[in-house]
């Protein structure tokens, strides 16, 4: 299989995606795009094949994004492309091209979406946390409801939920946890998150949240919300900020979780989603 990765060797996410490609026995064509950026027409083609808004490919952190005023919503796609051509560091990474598709692979596990198969043994990221595979499951999956009940999490609205739910496993197949989200326009409510006892202390919770936000981003979400009675400090460590409950967007406030299932003592947090 011919695979191309537009790679930044200084980026941990890019290195992790490259390691997963190699773990399935594929040696990709590695393009150090800071040294050899794609031509304008090729970049436009890649964006079109990813079916992403061009702005979703713009990298803010560690780039001249702010200095160039690229947050200005009046900028055209042509102007954004001009900036990327002049400053390739603005192009987010890694972009991976395979016969199965083109994808901005953030988090790195999403590269598995466009590979023919996944590694079949547990592997860890450079930071020591587990690589995970997510699999969409039905809201009525009995094992999901059983795990939530055992964790003391609500289940009464599961079958009527408009959300998407996932199981998370290590690459070797060990069940690590469950989670889901309900999409309300550009807002998404993360819910039903749990990590199994055997998966705790291995970075699984953070990686599950990153995967959930990535899946929601692909559906149009740009802000993630969560309600929790006891895990607010944890969510703050992964970039969430507390809010007063009355400041929630109407759709989030009107969701069954916020409107009555979660107690009044539950803390509301949010963070922006940016690949």
C-alpha atoms as a PDB file:
ATOM      1  CA  UNK A   1       0.000   0.000   0.000  1.00  0.00           C
ATOM      2  CA  UNK A   2       1.319   3.440  -0.957  1.00  0.00           C
ATOM      3  CA  UNK A   3       1.111   5.826   2.002  1.00  0.00           C
ATOM      4  CA  UNK A   4       2.305   9.417   2.276  1.00  0.00           C
ATOM      5  CA  UNK A   5       2.630  11.287   5.557  1.00  0.00           C
ATOM      6  CA  UNK A   6       3.174  15.037   5.679  1.00  0.00           C
ATOM      7  CA  UNK A   7       5.282  14.947   8.797  1.00  0.00           C
ATOM      8  CA  UNK A   8       6.883  17.298  11.284  1.00  0.00           C
ATOM      9  CA  UNK A   9       9.587  15.347  13.127  1.00  0.00           C
ATOM     10  CA  UNK A  10       9.351  17.801  16.033  1.00  0.00           C
ATOM     11  CA  UNK A  11       5.653  16.966  16.602  1.00  0.00           C
ATOM     12  CA  UNK A  12       4.784  14.136  18.989  1.00  0.00           C
ATOM     13  CA  UNK A  13       1.389  13.499  17.380  1.00  0.00           C
ATOM     14  CA  UNK A  14       3.061  13.218  13.983  1.00  0.00           C
ATOM     15  CA  UNK A  15       5.712  10.833  15.326  1.00  0.00           C
ATOM     16  CA  UNK A  16       3.040   8.693  16.996  1.00  0.00           C
ATOM     17  CA  UNK A  17       1.020   8.457  13.778  1.00  0.00           C
ATOM     18  CA  UNK A  18       4.163   7.473  11.877  1.00  0.00           C
ATOM     19  CA  UNK A  19       4.879   4.758  14.434  1.00  0.00           C
ATOM     20  CA  UNK A  20       1.385   3.292  13.942  1.00  0.00           C
ATOM     21  CA  UNK A  21       1.802   3.214  10.177  1.00  0.00           C
ATOM     22  CA  UNK A  22       5.094   1.384  10.555  1.00  0.00           C
ATOM     23  CA  UNK A  23       3.579  -0.959  13.154  1.00  0.00           C
ATOM     24  CA  UNK A  24       1.340  -2.469  10.463  1.00  0.00           C
ATOM     25  CA  UNK A  25       4.344  -3.161   8.239  1.00  0.00           C
ATOM     26  CA  UNK A  26       4.030  -0.146   5.941  1.00  0.00           C
ATOM     27  CA  UNK A  27       6.986   2.126   5.263  1.00  0.00           C
ATOM     28  CA  UNK A  28       5.403   5.381   4.108  1.00  0.00           C
ATOM     29  CA  UNK A  29       6.814   8.124   1.974  1.00  0.00           C
ATOM     30  CA  UNK A  30       7.681  10.695   4.649  1.00  0.00           C
ATOM     31  CA  UNK A  31       7.472  14.325   3.536  1.00  0.00           C
ATOM     32  CA  UNK A  32       9.041  16.826   5.924  1.00  0.00           C
ATOM     33  CA  UNK A  33       6.611  19.508   4.835  1.00  0.00           C
ATOM     34  CA  UNK A  34       8.445  22.323   6.614  1.00  0.00           C
ATOM     35  CA  UNK A  35      11.359  21.702   4.267  1.00  0.00           C
ATOM     36  CA  UNK A  36       9.321  20.575   1.242  1.00  0.00           C
ATOM     37  CA  UNK A  37       5.820  22.037   1.564  1.00  0.00           C
ATOM     38  CA  UNK A  38       3.109  20.828  -0.822  1.00  0.00           C
ATOM     39  CA  UNK A  39       2.432  23.039  -3.824  1.00  0.00           C
ATOM     40  CA  UNK A  40      -0.604  25.279  -3.598  1.00  0.00           C
ATOM     41  CA  UNK A  41      -2.729  23.129  -5.921  1.00  0.00           C
ATOM     42  CA  UNK A  42      -1.786  19.953  -4.061  1.00  0.00           C
ATOM     43  CA  UNK A  43      -2.635  21.488  -0.692  1.00  0.00           C
ATOM     44  CA  UNK A  44      -6.022  22.584  -2.009  1.00  0.00           C
ATOM     45  CA  UNK A  45      -6.598  19.055  -3.328  1.00  0.00           C
ATOM     46  CA  UNK A  46      -5.687  17.500   0.027  1.00  0.00           C
ATOM     47  CA  UNK A  47      -8.078  19.827   1.867  1.00  0.00           C
ATOM     48  CA  UNK A  48     -10.866  18.957  -0.569  1.00  0.00           C
ATOM     49  CA  UNK A  49     -10.263  15.226  -0.140  1.00  0.00           C
ATOM     50  CA  UNK A  50     -10.335  15.566   3.657  1.00  0.00           C
ATOM     51  CA  UNK A  51     -13.711  17.365   3.414  1.00  0.00           C
ATOM     52  CA  UNK A  52     -12.555  19.775   6.105  1.00  0.00           C
ATOM     53  CA  UNK A  53     -13.034  23.541   6.222  1.00  0.00           C
ATOM     54  CA  UNK A  54      -9.675  25.091   5.367  1.00  0.00           C
ATOM     55  CA  UNK A  55      -9.559  26.804   8.738  1.00  0.00           C
ATOM     56  CA  UNK A  56      -9.614  23.400  10.424  1.00  0.00           C
ATOM     57  CA  UNK A  57      -6.178  22.794   8.947  1.00  0.00           C
ATOM     58  CA  UNK A  58      -4.728  26.006  10.394  1.00  0.00           C
ATOM     59  CA  UNK A  59      -2.396  25.466  13.326  1.00  0.00           C
ATOM     60  CA  UNK A  60      -2.406  28.215  15.955  1.00  0.00           C
ATOM     61  CA  UNK A  61      -0.001  27.126  18.680  1.00  0.00           C
ATOM     62  CA  UNK A  62       3.670  27.725  17.963  1.00  0.00           C
ATOM     63  CA  UNK A  63       2.947  29.556  14.714  1.00  0.00           C
ATOM     64  CA  UNK A  64       2.569  33.187  13.525  1.00  0.00           C
ATOM     65  CA  UNK A  65      -1.231  32.720  13.502  1.00  0.00           C
ATOM     66  CA  UNK A  66      -1.914  35.642  15.852  1.00  0.00           C
ATOM     67  CA  UNK A  67       0.685  37.976  14.363  1.00  0.00           C
ATOM     68  CA  UNK A  68      -0.766  37.461  10.898  1.00  0.00           C
ATOM     69  CA  UNK A  69      -4.307  38.146  12.089  1.00  0.00           C
ATOM     70  CA  UNK A  70      -5.554  34.795  10.837  1.00  0.00           C
ATOM     71  CA  UNK A  71      -8.411  34.706  13.344  1.00  0.00           C
ATOM     72  CA  UNK A  72     -10.176  37.330  11.212  1.00  0.00           C
ATOM     73  CA  UNK A  73     -13.322  35.590   9.877  1.00  0.00           C
ATOM     74  CA  UNK A  74     -13.325  37.938   6.874  1.00  0.00           C
ATOM     75  CA  UNK A  75     -10.228  36.290   5.412  1.00  0.00           C
ATOM     76  CA  UNK A  76     -10.860  34.272   2.278  1.00  0.00           C
ATOM     77  CA  UNK A  77      -9.611  30.753   1.676  1.00  0.00           C
ATOM     78  CA  UNK A  78      -7.210  32.195  -0.890  1.00  0.00           C
ATOM     79  CA  UNK A  79      -5.696  34.485   1.743  1.00  0.00           C
ATOM     80  CA  UNK A  80      -5.364  31.612   4.201  1.00  0.00           C
ATOM     81  CA  UNK A  81      -3.653  29.477   1.563  1.00  0.00           C
ATOM     82  CA  UNK A  82      -1.298  32.410   0.862  1.00  0.00           C
ATOM     83  CA  UNK A  83      -0.328  32.436   4.544  1.00  0.00           C
ATOM     84  CA  UNK A  84       0.230  28.668   4.562  1.00  0.00           C
ATOM     85  CA  UNK A  85       2.435  28.878   1.494  1.00  0.00           C
ATOM     86  CA  UNK A  86       4.511  31.621   3.114  1.00  0.00           C
ATOM     87  CA  UNK A  87       4.600  29.915   6.529  1.00  0.00           C
ATOM     88  CA  UNK A  88       4.237  26.098   6.209  1.00  0.00           C
ATOM     89  CA  UNK A  89       4.287  25.791  10.018  1.00  0.00           C
ATOM     90  CA  UNK A  90       0.658  26.978   9.824  1.00  0.00           C
ATOM     91  CA  UNK A  91      -0.310  23.668   8.182  1.00  0.00           C
ATOM     92  CA  UNK A  92      -1.475  21.295  10.888  1.00  0.00           C
ATOM     93  CA  UNK A  93      -0.006  17.808  10.998  1.00  0.00           C
ATOM     94  CA  UNK A  94       0.199  15.001  10.266  1.00  0.00           C
ATOM     95  CA  UNK A  95      -1.751  14.722   7.041  1.00  0.00           C
ATOM     96  CA  UNK A  96      -1.777  11.100   5.880  1.00  0.00           C
ATOM     97  CA  UNK A  97      -2.724   9.923   2.389  1.00  0.00           C
ATOM     98  CA  UNK A  98      -3.570   6.275   1.673  1.00  0.00           C
ATOM     99  CA  UNK A  99      -5.731   4.519  -0.950  1.00  0.00           C
ATOM    100  CA  UNK A 100      -8.456   4.523   1.722  1.00  0.00           C
ATOM    101  CA  UNK A 101      -8.543   8.284   2.195  1.00  0.00           C
ATOM    102  CA  UNK A 102      -6.829  11.476   3.303  1.00  0.00           C
ATOM    103  CA  UNK A 103      -6.944  12.530   6.936  1.00  0.00           C
ATOM    104  CA  UNK A 104      -5.547  15.051   9.391  1.00  0.00           C
ATOM    105  CA  UNK A 105      -4.610  12.490  12.019  1.00  0.00           C
ATOM    106  CA  UNK A 106      -5.207  14.183  15.336  1.00  0.00           C
ATOM    107  CA  UNK A 107      -5.219  12.343  17.664  1.00  0.00           C
ATOM    108  CA  UNK A 108      -2.710   9.987  16.135  1.00  0.00           C
ATOM    109  CA  UNK A 109      -4.967   6.907  16.462  1.00  0.00           C
ATOM    110  CA  UNK A 110      -7.274   8.297  13.787  1.00  0.00           C
ATOM    111  CA  UNK A 111      -4.686   7.223  11.210  1.00  0.00           C
ATOM    112  CA  UNK A 112      -6.123   3.729  11.747  1.00  0.00           C
ATOM    113  CA  UNK A 113      -9.282   4.911   9.936  1.00  0.00           C
ATOM    114  CA  UNK A 114      -7.368   4.917   6.646  1.00  0.00           C
ATOM    115  CA  UNK A 115      -5.077   1.916   7.152  1.00  0.00           C
ATOM    116  CA  UNK A 116      -6.105  -1.592   6.019  1.00  0.00           C
ATOM    117  CA  UNK A 117      -5.819  -2.988   9.542  1.00  0.00           C
ATOM    118  CA  UNK A 118      -4.554  -2.051  12.998  1.00  0.00           C
ATOM    119  CA  UNK A 119      -1.624  -3.414  14.989  1.00  0.00           C
ATOM    120  CA  UNK A 120      -2.772  -6.425  16.980  1.00  0.00           C
ATOM    121  CA  UNK A 121      -0.709  -5.929  20.089  1.00  0.00           C
ATOM    122  CA  UNK A 122      -0.791  -3.215  22.731  1.00  0.00           C
ATOM    123  CA  UNK A 123       1.364  -0.204  21.976  1.00  0.00           C
ATOM    124  CA  UNK A 124       1.995   3.048  23.797  1.00  0.00           C
ATOM    125  CA  UNK A 125       2.518   6.620  22.698  1.00  0.00           C
ATOM    126  CA  UNK A 126       5.782   8.414  23.309  1.00  0.00           C
ATOM    127  CA  UNK A 127       4.340   9.773  26.569  1.00  0.00           C
ATOM    128  CA  UNK A 128       3.685   6.231  27.821  1.00  0.00           C
ATOM    129  CA  UNK A 129      -0.112   6.388  27.457  1.00  0.00           C
ATOM    130  CA  UNK A 130      -2.019   3.675  25.638  1.00  0.00           C
ATOM    131  CA  UNK A 131      -2.936   3.835  21.986  1.00  0.00           C
ATOM    132  CA  UNK A 132      -6.672   3.147  21.779  1.00  0.00           C
ATOM    133  CA  UNK A 133      -9.150   2.014  19.171  1.00  0.00           C
ATOM    134  CA  UNK A 134     -12.705   3.287  19.334  1.00  0.00           C
ATOM    135  CA  UNK A 135     -15.665   1.324  18.007  1.00  0.00           C
ATOM    136  CA  UNK A 136     -19.140   2.792  17.717  1.00  0.00           C
ATOM    137  CA  UNK A 137     -21.763   0.794  19.581  1.00  0.00           C
ATOM    138  CA  UNK A 138     -25.512   1.087  19.973  1.00  0.00           C
ATOM    139  CA  UNK A 139     -26.999   3.095  22.812  1.00  0.00           C
ATOM    140  CA  UNK A 140     -28.875  -0.060  23.776  1.00  0.00           C
ATOM    141  CA  UNK A 141     -25.725  -2.174  24.091  1.00  0.00           C
ATOM    142  CA  UNK A 142     -26.293  -4.137  27.347  1.00  0.00           C
ATOM    143  CA  UNK A 143     -22.610  -4.112  28.294  1.00  0.00           C
ATOM    144  CA  UNK A 144     -22.570  -0.297  28.109  1.00  0.00           C
ATOM    145  CA  UNK A 145     -25.553   0.036  30.435  1.00  0.00           C
ATOM    146  CA  UNK A 146     -24.129  -2.549  32.841  1.00  0.00           C
ATOM    147  CA  UNK A 147     -20.750  -0.784  33.001  1.00  0.00           C
ATOM    148  CA  UNK A 148     -22.407   2.607  33.578  1.00  0.00           C
ATOM    149  CA  UNK A 149     -24.608   1.235  36.361  1.00  0.00           C
ATOM    150  CA  UNK A 150     -21.618  -0.365  38.057  1.00  0.00           C
ATOM    151  CA  UNK A 151     -19.785   2.960  37.857  1.00  0.00           C
ATOM    152  CA  UNK A 152     -22.756   4.804  39.372  1.00  0.00           C
ATOM    153  CA  UNK A 153     -23.478   6.718  36.156  1.00  0.00           C
ATOM    154  CA  UNK A 154     -27.012   7.356  34.835  1.00  0.00           C
ATOM    155  CA  UNK A 155     -28.550   5.070  32.231  1.00  0.00           C
ATOM    156  CA  UNK A 156     -32.212   6.035  32.213  1.00  0.00           C
ATOM    157  CA  UNK A 157     -31.965   8.089  29.014  1.00  0.00           C
ATOM    158  CA  UNK A 158     -29.589   5.821  27.091  1.00  0.00           C
ATOM    159  CA  UNK A 159     -32.067   4.243  24.700  1.00  0.00           C
ATOM    160  CA  UNK A 160     -33.671   7.595  23.822  1.00  0.00           C
ATOM    161  CA  UNK A 161     -30.388   9.459  23.531  1.00  0.00           C
ATOM    162  CA  UNK A 162     -29.607  11.016  20.128  1.00  0.00           C
ATOM    163  CA  UNK A 163     -25.936  10.481  20.865  1.00  0.00           C
ATOM    164  CA  UNK A 164     -23.184   8.270  19.561  1.00  0.00           C
ATOM    165  CA  UNK A 165     -21.518   5.816  21.917  1.00  0.00           C
ATOM    166  CA  UNK A 166     -18.187   4.025  21.711  1.00  0.00           C
ATOM    167  CA  UNK A 167     -16.220   1.295  23.364  1.00  0.00           C
ATOM    168  CA  UNK A 168     -12.476   1.820  23.700  1.00  0.00           C
ATOM    169  CA  UNK A 169      -9.921  -0.945  23.561  1.00  0.00           C
ATOM    170  CA  UNK A 170      -6.173  -1.232  23.466  1.00  0.00           C
ATOM    171  CA  UNK A 171      -4.729  -2.265  20.122  1.00  0.00           C
ATOM    172  CA  UNK A 172      -4.421  -5.773  21.548  1.00  0.00           C
ATOM    173  CA  UNK A 173      -8.171  -5.842  22.250  1.00  0.00           C
ATOM    174  CA  UNK A 174      -8.369  -5.195  26.008  1.00  0.00           C
ATOM    175  CA  UNK A 175     -11.490  -3.233  26.982  1.00  0.00           C
ATOM    176  CA  UNK A 176     -10.504   0.093  28.522  1.00  0.00           C
ATOM    177  CA  UNK A 177     -13.742   2.038  28.762  1.00  0.00           C
ATOM    178  CA  UNK A 178     -16.837   3.584  27.246  1.00  0.00           C
ATOM    179  CA  UNK A 179     -17.951   7.060  26.297  1.00  0.00           C
ATOM    180  CA  UNK A 180     -20.325   8.984  24.115  1.00  0.00           C
ATOM    181  CA  UNK A 181     -21.507  12.365  22.989  1.00  0.00           C
ATOM    182  CA  UNK A 182     -24.660  14.203  22.005  1.00  0.00           C
ATOM    183  CA  UNK A 183     -24.287  16.728  19.198  1.00  0.00           C
ATOM    184  CA  UNK A 184     -26.172  20.028  19.316  1.00  0.00           C
ATOM    185  CA  UNK A 185     -25.013  22.065  16.346  1.00  0.00           C
ATOM    186  CA  UNK A 186     -21.480  23.251  17.014  1.00  0.00           C
ATOM    187  CA  UNK A 187     -21.763  22.242  20.682  1.00  0.00           C
ATOM    188  CA  UNK A 188     -21.299  18.689  21.882  1.00  0.00           C
ATOM    189  CA  UNK A 189     -22.038  17.201  25.288  1.00  0.00           C
ATOM    190  CA  UNK A 190     -19.630  14.455  26.298  1.00  0.00           C
ATOM    191  CA  UNK A 191     -21.330  11.844  28.459  1.00  0.00           C
ATOM    192  CA  UNK A 192     -21.248   8.309  29.857  1.00  0.00           C
ATOM    193  CA  UNK A 193     -17.463   8.363  30.233  1.00  0.00           C
ATOM    194  CA  UNK A 194     -15.843   5.622  32.247  1.00  0.00           C
ATOM    195  CA  UNK A 195     -12.471   3.914  32.384  1.00  0.00           C
ATOM    196  CA  UNK A 196     -12.306   0.304  33.536  1.00  0.00           C
ATOM    197  CA  UNK A 197     -10.330  -0.456  36.672  1.00  0.00           C
ATOM    198  CA  UNK A 198      -7.628  -2.204  34.635  1.00  0.00           C
ATOM    199  CA  UNK A 199      -7.265   0.838  32.365  1.00  0.00           C
ATOM    200  CA  UNK A 200      -6.725   3.473  35.027  1.00  0.00           C
ATOM    201  CA  UNK A 201      -3.433   5.266  35.450  1.00  0.00           C
ATOM    202  CA  UNK A 202      -2.380   4.718  31.831  1.00  0.00           C
ATOM    203  CA  UNK A 203      -3.584   7.943  30.237  1.00  0.00           C
ATOM    204  CA  UNK A 204      -6.651   6.216  28.827  1.00  0.00           C
ATOM    205  CA  UNK A 205      -9.180   8.797  30.003  1.00  0.00           C
ATOM    206  CA  UNK A 206      -7.459  11.674  28.238  1.00  0.00           C
ATOM    207  CA  UNK A 207      -7.038   9.677  25.047  1.00  0.00           C
ATOM    208  CA  UNK A 208     -10.700   8.640  25.112  1.00  0.00           C
ATOM    209  CA  UNK A 209     -11.773  12.288  25.425  1.00  0.00           C
ATOM    210  CA  UNK A 210      -9.478  13.289  22.553  1.00  0.00           C
ATOM    211  CA  UNK A 211     -10.955  10.600  20.320  1.00  0.00           C
ATOM    212  CA  UNK A 212     -14.526  11.574  21.232  1.00  0.00           C
ATOM    213  CA  UNK A 213     -13.830  15.231  20.474  1.00  0.00           C
ATOM    214  CA  UNK A 214     -12.215  14.300  17.165  1.00  0.00           C
ATOM    215  CA  UNK A 215     -15.267  12.253  16.132  1.00  0.00           C
ATOM    216  CA  UNK A 216     -17.560  15.111  17.162  1.00  0.00           C
ATOM    217  CA  UNK A 217     -15.377  17.630  15.288  1.00  0.00           C
ATOM    218  CA  UNK A 218     -15.831  15.602  12.104  1.00  0.00           C
ATOM    219  CA  UNK A 219     -19.591  16.087  12.554  1.00  0.00           C
ATOM    220  CA  UNK A 220     -19.294  19.861  13.007  1.00  0.00           C
ATOM    221  CA  UNK A 221     -18.744  20.308  16.751  1.00  0.00           C
ATOM    222  CA  UNK A 222     -16.386  23.073  17.832  1.00  0.00           C
ATOM    223  CA  UNK A 223     -17.015  23.288  21.604  1.00  0.00           C
ATOM    224  CA  UNK A 224     -17.152  20.334  23.995  1.00  0.00           C
ATOM    225  CA  UNK A 225     -19.155  20.442  27.231  1.00  0.00           C
ATOM    226  CA  UNK A 226     -19.234  18.060  30.163  1.00  0.00           C
ATOM    227  CA  UNK A 227     -21.182  17.790  33.431  1.00  0.00           C
ATOM    228  CA  UNK A 228     -19.538  16.026  36.349  1.00  0.00           C
ATOM    229  CA  UNK A 229     -20.021  15.731  40.085  1.00  0.00           C
ATOM    230  CA  UNK A 230     -16.532  14.576  41.010  1.00  0.00           C
ATOM    231  CA  UNK A 231     -14.144  14.771  38.043  1.00  0.00           C
ATOM    232  CA  UNK A 232     -13.930  18.530  37.428  1.00  0.00           C
ATOM    233  CA  UNK A 233     -10.266  18.744  38.562  1.00  0.00           C
ATOM    234  CA  UNK A 234      -9.375  15.989  36.095  1.00  0.00           C
ATOM    235  CA  UNK A 235     -11.121  17.700  33.180  1.00  0.00           C
ATOM    236  CA  UNK A 236      -9.338  20.928  34.058  1.00  0.00           C
ATOM    237  CA  UNK A 237      -6.003  19.148  33.637  1.00  0.00           C
ATOM    238  CA  UNK A 238      -6.945  18.353  30.021  1.00  0.00           C
ATOM    239  CA  UNK A 239      -7.968  21.869  29.068  1.00  0.00           C
ATOM    240  CA  UNK A 240     -11.570  22.261  30.253  1.00  0.00           C
ATOM    241  CA  UNK A 241     -12.769  25.413  32.044  1.00  0.00           C
ATOM    242  CA  UNK A 242     -15.558  25.683  34.617  1.00  0.00           C
ATOM    243  CA  UNK A 243     -18.733  27.661  33.893  1.00  0.00           C
ATOM    244  CA  UNK A 244     -21.841  28.604  35.825  1.00  0.00           C
ATOM    245  CA  UNK A 245     -24.643  26.217  34.883  1.00  0.00           C
ATOM    246  CA  UNK A 246     -26.877  29.100  33.738  1.00  0.00           C
ATOM    247  CA  UNK A 247     -24.320  30.073  31.080  1.00  0.00           C
ATOM    248  CA  UNK A 248     -24.704  26.815  29.149  1.00  0.00           C
ATOM    249  CA  UNK A 249     -25.937  27.161  25.548  1.00  0.00           C
ATOM    250  CA  UNK A 250     -29.712  26.543  25.378  1.00  0.00           C
ATOM    251  CA  UNK A 251     -29.354  23.188  23.612  1.00  0.00           C
ATOM    252  CA  UNK A 252     -26.875  21.915  26.200  1.00  0.00           C
ATOM    253  CA  UNK A 253     -28.996  23.276  29.088  1.00  0.00           C
ATOM    254  CA  UNK A 254     -32.060  21.603  27.595  1.00  0.00           C
ATOM    255  CA  UNK A 255     -30.467  18.192  27.162  1.00  0.00           C
ATOM    256  CA  UNK A 256     -31.848  15.437  29.424  1.00  0.00           C
ATOM    257  CA  UNK A 257     -28.492  15.169  31.189  1.00  0.00           C
ATOM    258  CA  UNK A 258     -28.399  18.878  32.094  1.00  0.00           C
ATOM    259  CA  UNK A 259     -32.128  19.394  32.550  1.00  0.00           C
ATOM    260  CA  UNK A 260     -32.694  16.763  35.192  1.00  0.00           C
ATOM    261  CA  UNK A 261     -30.552  13.637  35.140  1.00  0.00           C
ATOM    262  CA  UNK A 262     -27.363  15.251  36.442  1.00  0.00           C
ATOM    263  CA  UNK A 263     -27.834  16.732  39.936  1.00  0.00           C
ATOM    264  CA  UNK A 264     -27.775  20.480  40.538  1.00  0.00           C
ATOM    265  CA  UNK A 265     -24.371  20.006  42.159  1.00  0.00           C
ATOM    266  CA  UNK A 266     -22.833  18.798  38.878  1.00  0.00           C
ATOM    267  CA  UNK A 267     -20.165  21.151  37.542  1.00  0.00           C
ATOM    268  CA  UNK A 268     -20.320  22.398  33.964  1.00  0.00           C
ATOM    269  CA  UNK A 269     -17.054  22.621  32.009  1.00  0.00           C
ATOM    270  CA  UNK A 270     -16.132  23.263  28.400  1.00  0.00           C
ATOM    271  CA  UNK A 271     -13.206  23.552  25.993  1.00  0.00           C
ATOM    272  CA  UNK A 272     -12.861  24.430  22.369  1.00  0.00           C
ATOM    273  CA  UNK A 273     -12.194  21.600  19.941  1.00  0.00           C
ATOM    274  CA  UNK A 274      -9.354  22.189  17.526  1.00  0.00           C
ATOM    275  CA  UNK A 275      -7.533  19.424  15.744  1.00  0.00           C
END
